[in-house]
All heavy atoms as atom14 arrays in JSON, in Angstrom:
{
  "sequence": "AVGWFRQAPGKEREFVAAISRSGLKTNYADPVKGR",
  "atom14_mask": [
    [1, 1, 1, 1, 1, 0, 0, 0, 0, 0, 0, 0, 0, 0],
    [1, 1, 1, 1, 1, 1, 1, 0, 0, 0, 0, 0, 0, 0],
    [1, 1, 1, 1, 0, 0, 0, 0, 0, 0, 0, 0, 0, 0],
    [1, 1, 1, 1, 1, 1, 1, 1, 1, 1, 1, 1, 1, 1],
    [1, 1, 1, 1, 1, 1, 1, 1, 1, 1, 1, 0, 0, 0],
    [1, 1, 1, 1, 1, 1, 1, 1, 1, 1, 1, 0, 0, 0],
    [1, 1, 1, 1, 1, 1, 1, 1, 1, 0, 0, 0, 0, 0],
    [1, 1, 1, 1, 1, 0, 0, 0, 0, 0, 0, 0, 0, 0],
    [1, 1, 1, 1, 1, 1, 1, 0, 0, 0, 0, 0, 0, 0],
    [1, 1, 1, 1, 0, 0, 0, 0, 0, 0, 0, 0, 0, 0],
    [1, 1, 1, 1, 1, 1, 1, 1, 1, 0, 0, 0, 0, 0],
    [1, 1, 1, 1, 1, 1, 1, 1, 1, 0, 0, 0, 0, 0],
    [1, 1, 1, 1, 1, 1, 1, 1, 1, 1, 1, 0, 0, 0],
    [1, 1, 1, 1, 1, 1, 1, 1, 1, 0, 0, 0, 0, 0],
    [1, 1, 1, 1, 1, 1, 1, 1, 1, 1, 1, 0, 0, 0],
    [1, 1, 1, 1, 1, 1, 1, 0, 0, 0, 0, 0, 0, 0],
    [1, 1, 1, 1, 1, 0, 0, 0, 0, 0, 0, 0, 0, 0],
    [1, 1, 1, 1, 1, 0, 0, 0, 0, 0, 0, 0, 0, 0],
    [1, 1, 1, 1, 1, 1, 1, 1, 0, 0, 0, 0, 0, 0],
    [1, 1, 1, 1, 1, 1, 0, 0, 0, 0, 0, 0, 0, 0],
    [1, 1, 1, 1, 1, 1, 1, 1, 1, 1, 1, 0, 0, 0],
    [1, 1, 1, 1, 1, 1, 0, 0, 0, 0, 0, 0, 0, 0],
    [1, 1, 1, 1, 0, 0, 0, 0, 0, 0, 0, 0, 0, 0],
    [1, 1, 1, 1, 1, 1, 1, 1, 0, 0, 0, 0, 0, 0],
    [1, 1, 1, 1, 1, 1, 1, 1, 1, 0, 0, 0, 0, 0],
    [1, 1, 1, 1, 1, 1, 1, 0, 0, 0, 0, 0, 0, 0],
    [1, 1, 1, 1, 1, 1, 1, 1, 0, 0, 0, 0, 0, 0],
    [1, 1, 1, 1, 1, 1, 1, 1, 1, 1, 1, 1, 0, 0],
    [1, 1, 1, 1, 1, 0, 0, 0, 0, 0, 0, 0, 0, 0],
    [1, 1, 1, 1, 1, 1, 1, 1, 0, 0, 0, 0, 0, 0],
    [1, 1, 1, 1, 1, 1, 1, 0, 0, 0, 0, 0, 0, 0],
    [1, 1, 1, 1, 1, 1, 1, 0, 0, 0, 0, 0, 0, 0],
    [1, 1, 1, 1, 1, 1, 1, 1, 1, 0, 0, 0, 0, 0],
    [1, 1, 1, 1, 0, 0, 0, 0, 0, 0, 0, 0, 0, 0],
    [1, 1, 1, 1, 1, 1, 1, 1, 1, 1, 1, 0, 0, 0]
  ],
  "atom14_positions": [
    [[81.61, 89.01, 104.66], [82.78, 89.65, 104.07], [84.02, 88.94, 104.58], [84.02, 88.36, 105.67], [82.82, 91.13, 104.46], [0.0, 0.0, 0.0], [0.0, 0.0, 0.0], [0.0, 0.0, 0.0], [0.0, 0.0, 0.0], [0.0, 0.0, 0.0], [0.0, 0.0, 0.0], [0.0, 0.0, 0.0], [0.0, 0.0, 0.0], [0.0, 0.0, 0.0]],
    [[85.06, 88.98, 103.81], [86.32, 88.36, 104.2], [87.43, 89.4, 104.22], [87.51, 90.25, 103.33], [86.7, 87.22, 103.24], [88.09, 86.67, 103.57], [85.67, 86.09, 103.31], [0.0, 0.0, 0.0], [0.0, 0.0, 0.0], [0.0, 0.0, 0.0], [0.0, 0.0, 0.0], [0.0, 0.0, 0.0], [0.0, 0.0, 0.0], [0.0, 0.0, 0.0]],
    [[88.24, 89.34, 105.23], [89.39, 90.22, 105.32], [90.66, 89.41, 105.49], [90.65, 88.3, 106.02], [0.0, 0.0, 0.0], [0.0, 0.0, 0.0], [0.0, 0.0, 0.0], [0.0, 0.0, 0.0], [0.0, 0.0, 0.0], [0.0, 0.0, 0.0], [0.0, 0.0, 0.0], [0.0, 0.0, 0.0], [0.0, 0.0, 0.0], [0.0, 0.0, 0.0]],
    [[91.74, 89.98, 105.01], [93.08, 89.43, 105.26], [93.83, 90.42, 106.14], [93.82, 91.63, 105.88], [93.85, 89.21, 103.97], [93.42, 88.0, 103.2], [92.54, 87.95, 102.16], [93.86, 86.65, 103.4], [92.4, 86.66, 101.71], [93.21, 85.84, 102.45], [94.75, 86.04, 104.31], [93.41, 84.45, 102.38], [94.95, 84.68, 104.22], [94.29, 83.9, 103.27]],
    [[94.48, 89.9, 107.14], [95.31, 90.69, 108.04], [96.68, 90.03, 108.12], [96.85, 88.88, 107.73], [94.68, 90.74, 109.45], [93.42, 91.54, 109.52], [92.22, 91.06, 109.01], [93.43, 92.81, 110.11], [91.05, 91.81, 109.08], [92.27, 93.57, 110.18], [91.09, 93.06, 109.67], [0.0, 0.0, 0.0], [0.0, 0.0, 0.0], [0.0, 0.0, 0.0]],
    [[97.64, 90.74, 108.65], [98.96, 90.16, 108.86], [99.57, 90.68, 110.15], [99.23, 91.78, 110.61], [99.88, 90.45, 107.68], [100.25, 91.91, 107.49], [101.03, 92.09, 106.2], [101.44, 93.48, 106.0], [102.03, 93.92, 104.89], [102.26, 93.09, 103.89], [102.38, 95.2, 104.79], [0.0, 0.0, 0.0], [0.0, 0.0, 0.0], [0.0, 0.0, 0.0]],
    [[100.45, 89.88, 110.7], [101.11, 90.26, 111.94], [102.57, 89.85, 111.88], [102.88, 88.65, 111.77], [100.43, 89.62, 113.15], [100.94, 90.12, 114.48], [100.03, 89.74, 115.62], [99.18, 88.84, 115.52], [100.14, 90.44, 116.74], [0.0, 0.0, 0.0], [0.0, 0.0, 0.0], [0.0, 0.0, 0.0], [0.0, 0.0, 0.0], [0.0, 0.0, 0.0]],
    [[103.43, 90.83, 111.94], [104.87, 90.6, 111.96], [105.32, 90.5, 113.43], [104.64, 91.02, 114.32], [105.59, 91.73, 111.25], [0.0, 0.0, 0.0], [0.0, 0.0, 0.0], [0.0, 0.0, 0.0], [0.0, 0.0, 0.0], [0.0, 0.0, 0.0], [0.0, 0.0, 0.0], [0.0, 0.0, 0.0], [0.0, 0.0, 0.0], [0.0, 0.0, 0.0]],
    [[106.45, 89.87, 113.68], [106.93, 89.73, 115.06], [107.08, 91.08, 115.75], [107.67, 92.01, 115.19], [108.3, 89.05, 114.89], [108.18, 88.31, 113.61], [107.32, 89.17, 112.72], [0.0, 0.0, 0.0], [0.0, 0.0, 0.0], [0.0, 0.0, 0.0], [0.0, 0.0, 0.0], [0.0, 0.0, 0.0], [0.0, 0.0, 0.0], [0.0, 0.0, 0.0]],
    [[106.52, 91.19, 116.94], [106.63, 92.41, 117.71], [105.72, 93.54, 117.27], [105.79, 94.64, 117.8], [0.0, 0.0, 0.0], [0.0, 0.0, 0.0], [0.0, 0.0, 0.0], [0.0, 0.0, 0.0], [0.0, 0.0, 0.0], [0.0, 0.0, 0.0], [0.0, 0.0, 0.0], [0.0, 0.0, 0.0], [0.0, 0.0, 0.0], [0.0, 0.0, 0.0]],
    [[104.86, 93.24, 116.29], [103.97, 94.29, 115.78], [102.51, 93.88, 115.97], [102.19, 92.71, 116.14], [104.25, 94.57, 114.31], [105.62, 95.17, 114.06], [105.76, 95.62, 112.63], [107.09, 96.32, 112.38], [107.23, 96.79, 110.98], [0.0, 0.0, 0.0], [0.0, 0.0, 0.0], [0.0, 0.0, 0.0], [0.0, 0.0, 0.0], [0.0, 0.0, 0.0]],
    [[101.64, 94.86, 115.9], [100.21, 94.57, 115.99], [99.7, 93.99, 114.67], [100.28, 94.21, 113.61], [99.44, 95.85, 116.33], [99.71, 96.38, 117.72], [98.79, 97.52, 118.09], [98.05, 98.01, 117.21], [98.81, 97.94, 119.27], [0.0, 0.0, 0.0], [0.0, 0.0, 0.0], [0.0, 0.0, 0.0], [0.0, 0.0, 0.0], [0.0, 0.0, 0.0]],
    [[98.6, 93.27, 114.79], [97.96, 92.73, 113.59], [97.41, 93.9, 112.78], [96.74, 94.78, 113.32], [96.85, 91.77, 113.99], [96.33, 90.9, 112.87], [95.45, 89.78, 113.38], [96.18, 88.87, 114.27], [95.66, 87.73, 114.71], [94.43, 87.36, 114.35], [96.37, 86.97, 115.52], [0.0, 0.0, 0.0], [0.0, 0.0, 0.0], [0.0, 0.0, 0.0]],
    [[97.66, 93.87, 111.47], [97.23, 94.99, 110.64], [96.41, 94.51, 109.44], [96.59, 93.4, 108.92], [98.45, 95.78, 110.13], [99.38, 95.02, 109.23], [100.49, 95.88, 108.68], [100.63, 97.05, 109.08], [101.24, 95.37, 107.81], [0.0, 0.0, 0.0], [0.0, 0.0, 0.0], [0.0, 0.0, 0.0], [0.0, 0.0, 0.0], [0.0, 0.0, 0.0]],
    [[95.56, 95.38, 109.02], [94.68, 95.13, 107.87], [95.48, 95.07, 106.58], [96.4, 95.87, 106.37], [93.64, 96.24, 107.79], [92.81, 96.22, 106.55], [91.77, 95.31, 106.41], [93.05, 97.11, 105.53], [90.99, 95.3, 105.26], [92.29, 97.1, 104.37], [91.25, 96.19, 104.24], [0.0, 0.0, 0.0], [0.0, 0.0, 0.0], [0.0, 0.0, 0.0]],
    [[95.11, 94.14, 105.71], [95.74, 94.02, 104.4], [94.72, 94.27, 103.29], [94.93, 95.12, 102.43], [96.37, 92.62, 104.22], [96.91, 92.44, 102.81], [97.47, 92.39, 105.26], [0.0, 0.0, 0.0], [0.0, 0.0, 0.0], [0.0, 0.0, 0.0], [0.0, 0.0, 0.0], [0.0, 0.0, 0.0], [0.0, 0.0, 0.0], [0.0, 0.0, 0.0]],
    [[93.61, 93.53, 103.32], [92.63, 93.65, 102.25], [91.3, 93.08, 102.72], [91.26, 92.28, 103.65], [93.1, 92.93, 100.99], [0.0, 0.0, 0.0], [0.0, 0.0, 0.0], [0.0, 0.0, 0.0], [0.0, 0.0, 0.0], [0.0, 0.0, 0.0], [0.0, 0.0, 0.0], [0.0, 0.0, 0.0], [0.0, 0.0, 0.0], [0.0, 0.0, 0.0]],
    [[90.22, 93.5, 102.06], [88.89, 92.98, 102.38], [88.08, 92.89, 101.12], [88.32, 93.61, 100.14], [88.2, 93.86, 103.42], [0.0, 0.0, 0.0], [0.0, 0.0, 0.0], [0.0, 0.0, 0.0], [0.0, 0.0, 0.0], [0.0, 0.0, 0.0], [0.0, 0.0, 0.0], [0.0, 0.0, 0.0], [0.0, 0.0, 0.0], [0.0, 0.0, 0.0]],
    [[87.08, 92.02, 101.15], [86.23, 91.81, 99.99], [84.79, 91.61, 100.45], [84.53, 90.98, 101.48], [86.74, 90.62, 99.15], [86.01, 90.51, 97.82], [86.65, 89.31, 99.94], [86.7, 89.56, 96.84], [0.0, 0.0, 0.0], [0.0, 0.0, 0.0], [0.0, 0.0, 0.0], [0.0, 0.0, 0.0], [0.0, 0.0, 0.0], [0.0, 0.0, 0.0]],
    [[83.86, 92.13, 99.69], [82.45, 92.03, 100.04], [81.92, 90.63, 99.77], [82.59, 89.79, 99.2], [81.65, 93.06, 99.23], [81.74, 92.76, 97.85], [0.0, 0.0, 0.0], [0.0, 0.0, 0.0], [0.0, 0.0, 0.0], [0.0, 0.0, 0.0], [0.0, 0.0, 0.0], [0.0, 0.0, 0.0], [0.0, 0.0, 0.0], [0.0, 0.0, 0.0]],
    [[80.68, 90.4, 100.16], [80.07, 89.08, 100.0], [80.06, 88.61, 98.55], [80.33, 87.46, 98.24], [78.64, 89.09, 100.53], [78.52, 89.34, 102.0], [77.08, 89.4, 102.43], [76.33, 90.44, 101.74], [75.09, 90.77, 102.06], [74.47, 90.14, 103.04], [74.48, 91.72, 101.38], [0.0, 0.0, 0.0], [0.0, 0.0, 0.0], [0.0, 0.0, 0.0]],
    [[79.74, 89.54, 97.67], [79.63, 89.19, 96.24], [80.99, 89.14, 95.56], [81.13, 88.56, 94.48], [78.76, 90.22, 95.53], [79.4, 91.49, 95.56], [0.0, 0.0, 0.0], [0.0, 0.0, 0.0], [0.0, 0.0, 0.0], [0.0, 0.0, 0.0], [0.0, 0.0, 0.0], [0.0, 0.0, 0.0], [0.0, 0.0, 0.0], [0.0, 0.0, 0.0]],
    [[81.97, 89.77, 96.18], [83.29, 89.87, 95.56], [83.45, 91.08, 94.67], [84.53, 91.31, 94.11], [0.0, 0.0, 0.0], [0.0, 0.0, 0.0], [0.0, 0.0, 0.0], [0.0, 0.0, 0.0], [0.0, 0.0, 0.0], [0.0, 0.0, 0.0], [0.0, 0.0, 0.0], [0.0, 0.0, 0.0], [0.0, 0.0, 0.0], [0.0, 0.0, 0.0]],
    [[82.39, 91.89, 94.56], [82.44, 93.02, 93.64], [83.16, 94.23, 94.23], [83.6, 95.11, 93.5], [81.02, 93.41, 93.23], [80.26, 92.36, 92.41], [78.85, 92.85, 92.11], [81.0, 92.05, 91.12], [0.0, 0.0, 0.0], [0.0, 0.0, 0.0], [0.0, 0.0, 0.0], [0.0, 0.0, 0.0], [0.0, 0.0, 0.0], [0.0, 0.0, 0.0]],
    [[83.26, 94.28, 95.55], [83.9, 95.42, 96.2], [85.12, 94.94, 97.0], [85.02, 93.96, 97.76], [82.91, 96.14, 97.11], [81.75, 96.75, 96.36], [80.83, 97.52, 97.27], [79.69, 98.15, 96.49], [78.78, 98.95, 97.36], [0.0, 0.0, 0.0], [0.0, 0.0, 0.0], [0.0, 0.0, 0.0], [0.0, 0.0, 0.0], [0.0, 0.0, 0.0]],
    [[86.22, 95.64, 96.82], [87.45, 95.29, 97.52], [88.1, 96.54, 98.1], [87.87, 97.66, 97.61], [88.45, 94.59, 96.59], [88.73, 95.46, 95.49], [87.9, 93.27, 96.07], [0.0, 0.0, 0.0], [0.0, 0.0, 0.0], [0.0, 0.0, 0.0], [0.0, 0.0, 0.0], [0.0, 0.0, 0.0], [0.0, 0.0, 0.0], [0.0, 0.0, 0.0]],
    [[88.91, 96.33, 99.12], [89.63, 97.43, 99.76], [91.01, 96.93, 100.14], [91.18, 95.76, 100.5], [88.89, 97.89, 101.02], [87.44, 98.19, 100.76], [86.59, 97.3, 100.92], [87.14, 99.4, 100.37], [0.0, 0.0, 0.0], [0.0, 0.0, 0.0], [0.0, 0.0, 0.0], [0.0, 0.0, 0.0], [0.0, 0.0, 0.0], [0.0, 0.0, 0.0]],
    [[91.98, 97.85, 100.08], [93.36, 97.47, 100.35], [94.04, 98.48, 101.26], [93.74, 99.68, 101.21], [94.15, 97.38, 99.04], [93.65, 96.32, 98.1], [92.71, 96.61, 97.13], [94.13, 95.01, 98.19], [92.23, 95.63, 96.27], [93.67, 94.02, 97.34], [92.72, 94.34, 96.38], [92.27, 93.35, 95.53], [0.0, 0.0, 0.0], [0.0, 0.0, 0.0]],
    [[94.97, 97.99, 102.04], [95.83, 98.89, 102.79], [96.82, 99.53, 101.82], [97.22, 98.91, 100.82], [96.58, 98.11, 103.87], [0.0, 0.0, 0.0], [0.0, 0.0, 0.0], [0.0, 0.0, 0.0], [0.0, 0.0, 0.0], [0.0, 0.0, 0.0], [0.0, 0.0, 0.0], [0.0, 0.0, 0.0], [0.0, 0.0, 0.0], [0.0, 0.0, 0.0]],
    [[97.21, 100.75, 102.11], [98.1, 101.46, 101.19], [99.4, 100.71, 100.88], [99.85, 100.71, 99.72], [98.41, 102.85, 101.76], [97.22, 103.8, 101.66], [96.28, 103.49, 100.89], [97.22, 104.84, 102.34], [0.0, 0.0, 0.0], [0.0, 0.0, 0.0], [0.0, 0.0, 0.0], [0.0, 0.0, 0.0], [0.0, 0.0, 0.0], [0.0, 0.0, 0.0]],
    [[100.03, 100.06, 101.85], [101.32, 99.4, 101.54], [101.24, 98.26, 100.52], [102.26, 97.87, 99.95], [101.78, 98.88, 102.9], [101.09, 99.72, 103.9], [99.75, 100.01, 103.28], [0.0, 0.0, 0.0], [0.0, 0.0, 0.0], [0.0, 0.0, 0.0], [0.0, 0.0, 0.0], [0.0, 0.0, 0.0], [0.0, 0.0, 0.0], [0.0, 0.0, 0.0]],
    [[100.05, 97.72, 100.31], [99.91, 96.58, 99.4], [99.13, 96.92, 98.14], [99.04, 96.08, 97.23], [99.25, 95.36, 100.11], [99.98, 95.05, 101.41], [97.77, 95.59, 100.36], [0.0, 0.0, 0.0], [0.0, 0.0, 0.0], [0.0, 0.0, 0.0], [0.0, 0.0, 0.0], [0.0, 0.0, 0.0], [0.0, 0.0, 0.0], [0.0, 0.0, 0.0]],
    [[98.59, 98.11, 98.08], [97.76, 98.5, 96.95], [98.59, 98.43, 95.66], [99.71, 98.92, 95.6], [97.24, 99.92, 97.18], [95.97, 100.26, 96.45], [95.41, 101.59, 96.92], [94.85, 101.52, 98.31], [94.21, 102.78, 98.75], [0.0, 0.0, 0.0], [0.0, 0.0, 0.0], [0.0, 0.0, 0.0], [0.0, 0.0, 0.0], [0.0, 0.0, 0.0]],
    [[98.02, 97.79, 94.66], [98.71, 97.64, 93.38], [99.59, 96.41, 93.31], [100.05, 96.02, 92.23], [0.0, 0.0, 0.0], [0.0, 0.0, 0.0], [0.0, 0.0, 0.0], [0.0, 0.0, 0.0], [0.0, 0.0, 0.0], [0.0, 0.0, 0.0], [0.0, 0.0, 0.0], [0.0, 0.0, 0.0], [0.0, 0.0, 0.0], [0.0, 0.0, 0.0]],
    [[99.84, 95.76, 94.46], [100.68, 94.55, 94.47], [99.88, 93.31, 94.87], [100.17, 92.21, 94.39], [101.85, 94.72, 95.44], [102.78, 95.86, 95.12], [104.01, 95.84, 96.02], [103.68, 96.02, 97.43], [103.99, 95.15, 98.4], [104.63, 94.03, 98.1], [103.66, 95.41, 99.66], [0.0, 0.0, 0.0], [0.0, 0.0, 0.0], [0.0, 0.0, 0.0]]
  ]
}
């Protein structure tokens, strides 16, 4: 599985999105959902 995370200055690394091995299942953090 692959995940994307991000880290802004002075902040902890946070989850952005993830995708399953096949690519059929995805998950998003609320702040980026729909964008």
